[in-house]
Amino acid sequence: REKVYDVFSEKTDDISSLGPYVLQSHSLYVDDFNVQPIVNVPVPIEVTNPNKYNVTFIVDNLPIEEIQANPSETATMIANELTDLFEDSSIDTTFLKCAVISFREVMANSTRVTADCLFQNVSTMEPINEEVVYDVFRERTHNITALGQYPLQSDSLYVEGYTVPPIVIVPVEESNPTTYNVTFIVDSLSIEEIQ
């Protein structure tokens, strides 16, 4: 009966039509055998202890006066950029959300952005920590140069206080070697021993 059911289902385009007739997709029974459809109901996942990471960085060409004109719009735009960054990354399945919590002017036309980003622990993945969040941010912003439309200061990223100090290479100038004539006297050596 199961084989008959499967063949009938296949030949009637998943129990939808029999020649010119339209069938009800769940009406087929073969000797009281019927396959009921499985309906997947999305179950909201409650995250009990998400990991919160404080992420700070400096945006250039974003004067504080521009933010003060509409702070919630600017916060939403930057939060959306952060969301895009983490949702399109290797840690997307652990990412929950980011929210901008403050802006602070650090110099003319530059503003420090502070955001809180939430991640969940997923047992099938490597645990998320500040170094992982930092590395993903750095990679997805082209070495901390741009977050979407916002230019960044490349040495301004901190995740929970973690940062990677920039490597500074100082060129060393070659100098001309100085020649010295060194003279000394050996007391315990006779001239015969030298010859």
Protein backbone atom coordinates (compact mmCIF):
# COMPACT_ATOMS: atom_id res chain seq x y z
CA ARG A 1 0.00 0.00 0.00
CA GLU A 2 2.88 2.43 0.72
CA LYS A 3 4.40 1.73 -2.69
CA VAL A 4 1.01 2.34 -4.36
CA TYR A 5 0.65 5.54 -2.40
CA ASP A 6 4.13 6.74 -3.48
CA VAL A 7 3.54 5.89 -7.17
CA PHE A 8 0.12 7.56 -7.19
CA SER A 9 1.59 10.62 -5.46
CA GLU A 10 4.43 10.84 -7.99
CA LYS A 11 2.19 10.32 -11.07
CA THR A 12 -0.33 12.93 -9.88
CA ASP A 13 2.25 15.64 -9.29
CA ASP A 14 2.25 15.27 -5.50
CA ILE A 15 -1.48 14.55 -5.42
CA SER A 16 -2.46 17.75 -7.18
CA SER A 17 -3.99 16.63 -10.49
CA LEU A 18 -5.35 13.51 -12.15
CA GLY A 19 -5.87 14.24 -15.82
CA PRO A 20 -8.27 17.19 -15.97
CA TYR A 21 -9.20 16.86 -12.28
CA VAL A 22 -7.72 18.90 -9.42
CA LEU A 23 -7.09 16.85 -6.29
CA GLN A 24 -6.92 17.89 -2.67
CA SER A 25 -3.30 17.27 -1.78
CA HIS A 26 -4.00 15.49 1.52
CA SER A 27 -7.00 13.43 0.44
CA LEU A 28 -5.25 10.27 -0.78
CA TYR A 29 -5.69 7.08 1.27
CA VAL A 30 -4.59 3.60 0.22
CA ASP A 31 -6.11 0.99 2.59
CA ASP A 32 -6.33 3.66 5.30
CA PHE A 33 -2.68 4.61 4.73
CA ASN A 34 -2.13 8.36 4.42
CA VAL A 35 0.88 10.62 4.73
CA GLN A 36 0.13 13.80 6.61
CA PRO A 37 2.23 16.80 5.72
CA ILE A 38 4.84 17.99 8.15
CA VAL A 39 4.43 21.62 8.98
CA ASN A 40 7.47 23.31 10.37
CA VAL A 41 6.54 26.00 12.81
CA PRO A 42 9.35 28.43 13.53
CA VAL A 43 10.09 28.32 17.21
CA PRO A 44 11.68 31.45 18.55
CA ILE A 45 15.02 30.72 20.11
CA GLU A 46 15.40 32.29 23.46
CA VAL A 47 18.96 33.26 24.14
CA THR A 48 19.50 33.18 27.86
CA ASN A 49 23.03 34.47 28.31
CA PRO A 50 24.22 36.24 25.19
CA ASN A 51 27.79 37.46 25.06
CA LYS A 52 27.95 41.25 24.88
CA TYR A 53 30.99 42.90 23.36
CA ASN A 54 31.66 46.60 23.60
CA VAL A 55 33.00 47.73 20.21
CA THR A 56 34.51 51.18 19.78
CA PHE A 57 36.02 52.82 16.72
CA ILE A 58 36.59 56.29 15.28
CA VAL A 59 34.73 57.49 12.20
CA ASP A 60 36.46 60.22 10.21
CA ASN A 61 34.52 62.96 8.41
CA LEU A 62 31.62 62.62 10.84
CA PRO A 63 31.44 65.81 12.88
CA ILE A 64 29.54 65.65 16.15
CA GLU A 65 27.32 68.53 14.98
CA GLU A 66 26.02 66.32 12.15
CA ILE A 67 25.18 63.58 14.65
CA GLN A 68 23.48 66.00 17.06
CA ALA A 69 21.11 67.07 14.29
CA ASN A 70 19.63 63.55 14.21
CA PRO A 71 21.36 61.16 16.63
CA SER A 72 18.87 58.29 16.34
CA GLU A 73 19.12 58.21 12.53
CA THR A 74 22.93 58.15 12.64
CA ALA A 75 22.87 55.45 15.34
CA THR A 76 20.48 53.34 13.26
CA MET A 77 22.59 53.72 10.11
CA ILE A 78 25.80 52.68 11.87
CA ALA A 79 24.02 49.81 13.68
CA ASN A 80 22.74 48.61 10.28
CA GLU A 81 26.29 48.67 8.90
CA LEU A 82 27.49 46.64 11.89
CA THR A 83 24.62 44.19 11.40
CA ASP A 84 25.53 43.75 7.73
CA LEU A 85 29.18 43.29 8.69
CA PHE A 86 28.53 40.47 11.16
CA GLU A 87 25.64 38.83 9.25
CA ASP A 88 27.89 38.44 6.19
CA SER A 89 30.78 36.96 8.15
CA SER A 90 32.07 33.63 9.38
CA ILE A 91 30.33 34.18 12.74
CA ASP A 92 26.91 35.02 11.29
CA THR A 93 25.13 32.13 13.06
CA THR A 94 26.17 33.47 16.45
CA PHE A 95 25.38 37.13 15.78
CA LEU A 96 22.24 38.59 17.36
CA LYS A 97 22.38 42.39 17.06
CA CYS A 98 24.37 45.58 17.54
CA ALA A 99 23.17 48.82 19.07
CA VAL A 100 25.05 52.12 19.07
CA ILE A 101 25.11 53.43 22.63
CA SER A 102 27.16 56.63 22.35
CA PHE A 103 29.02 59.11 20.19
CA ARG A 104 31.92 61.24 21.41
CA GLU A 105 33.88 63.87 19.52
CA VAL A 106 37.58 63.07 19.60
CA MET A 107 38.88 65.73 17.22
CA ALA A 108 37.47 68.03 14.58
CA ASN A 109 35.32 66.02 12.12
CA SER A 110 36.03 62.70 13.89
CA THR A 111 33.74 60.87 16.28
CA ARG A 112 34.25 57.84 18.53
CA VAL A 113 31.37 55.38 18.17
CA THR A 114 30.61 52.96 20.99
CA ALA A 115 28.32 50.02 20.26
CA ASP A 116 27.26 46.90 22.10
CA CYS A 117 27.08 43.76 19.96
CA LEU A 118 25.41 40.57 21.14
CA PHE A 119 26.42 37.05 20.17
CA GLN A 120 25.07 33.69 21.26
CA ASN A 121 27.09 30.61 22.05
CA VAL A 122 26.63 27.91 19.43
CA SER A 123 27.95 24.55 20.55
CA THR A 124 28.93 23.51 17.03
CA MET A 125 31.21 26.51 16.56
CA GLU A 126 34.38 27.78 18.13
CA PRO A 127 33.48 30.06 21.05
CA ILE A 128 33.19 33.75 20.26
CA ASN A 129 35.57 36.06 22.13
CA GLU A 130 36.85 39.60 21.73
CA GLU A 131 39.72 38.51 19.47
CA VAL A 132 37.33 36.75 17.07
CA VAL A 133 35.00 39.78 16.97
CA TYR A 134 38.01 42.07 16.43
CA ASP A 135 39.40 39.91 13.60
CA VAL A 136 36.03 39.70 11.81
CA PHE A 137 35.55 43.48 12.11
CA ARG A 138 39.08 44.10 10.82
CA GLU A 139 38.67 41.70 7.91
CA ARG A 140 35.20 42.93 6.88
CA THR A 141 36.24 46.61 7.04
CA HIS A 142 39.34 46.15 4.88
CA ASN A 143 41.83 46.46 7.75
CA ILE A 144 39.67 48.93 9.64
CA THR A 145 39.46 51.50 6.87
CA ALA A 146 35.72 51.67 6.06
CA LEU A 147 32.44 50.56 7.62
CA GLY A 148 30.09 50.86 4.67
CA GLN A 149 30.05 54.55 3.81
CA TYR A 150 31.96 55.56 6.94
CA PRO A 151 35.77 56.00 6.76
CA LEU A 152 37.52 54.68 9.86
CA GLN A 153 40.78 55.42 11.63
CA SER A 154 42.69 52.19 11.21
CA ASP A 155 44.19 52.15 14.72
CA SER A 156 40.97 53.03 16.57
CA LEU A 157 39.23 49.65 16.95
CA TYR A 158 38.78 48.20 20.43
CA VAL A 159 36.61 45.19 21.34
CA GLU A 160 36.15 44.88 25.09
CA GLY A 161 39.44 46.74 25.45
CA TYR A 162 41.25 44.33 23.11
CA THR A 163 43.21 45.87 20.26
CA VAL A 164 46.15 44.97 18.09
CA PRO A 165 48.76 47.70 18.23
CA PRO A 166 49.95 48.80 14.82
CA ILE A 167 53.33 47.55 13.70
CA VAL A 168 55.64 50.47 13.15
CA ILE A 169 58.70 49.87 11.02
CA VAL A 170 61.39 52.44 11.61
CA PRO A 171 63.94 52.59 8.82
CA VAL A 172 67.51 52.38 10.01
CA GLU A 173 69.98 54.51 8.16
CA GLU A 174 73.19 52.79 7.18
CA SER A 175 76.17 54.57 8.59
CA ASN A 176 79.76 54.51 7.43
CA PRO A 177 81.71 52.23 9.73
CA THR A 178 84.31 53.97 11.86
CA THR A 179 87.79 52.44 11.87
CA TYR A 180 89.82 52.31 15.08
CA ASN A 181 93.43 51.27 15.58
CA VAL A 182 93.59 49.14 18.73
CA THR A 183 96.99 48.78 20.44
CA PHE A 184 97.84 46.80 23.56
CA ILE A 185 100.83 45.10 25.25
CA VAL A 186 100.98 41.44 26.22
CA ASP A 187 103.24 40.79 29.22
CA SER A 188 103.40 37.00 29.18
CA LEU A 189 104.43 36.54 25.55
CA SER A 190 108.06 36.63 24.38
CA ILE A 191 109.20 37.58 20.92
CA GLU A 192 110.57 34.09 20.35
CA GLU A 193 107.13 32.56 20.92
CA ILE A 194 105.62 34.79 18.26
CA GLN A 195 108.23 33.97 15.60
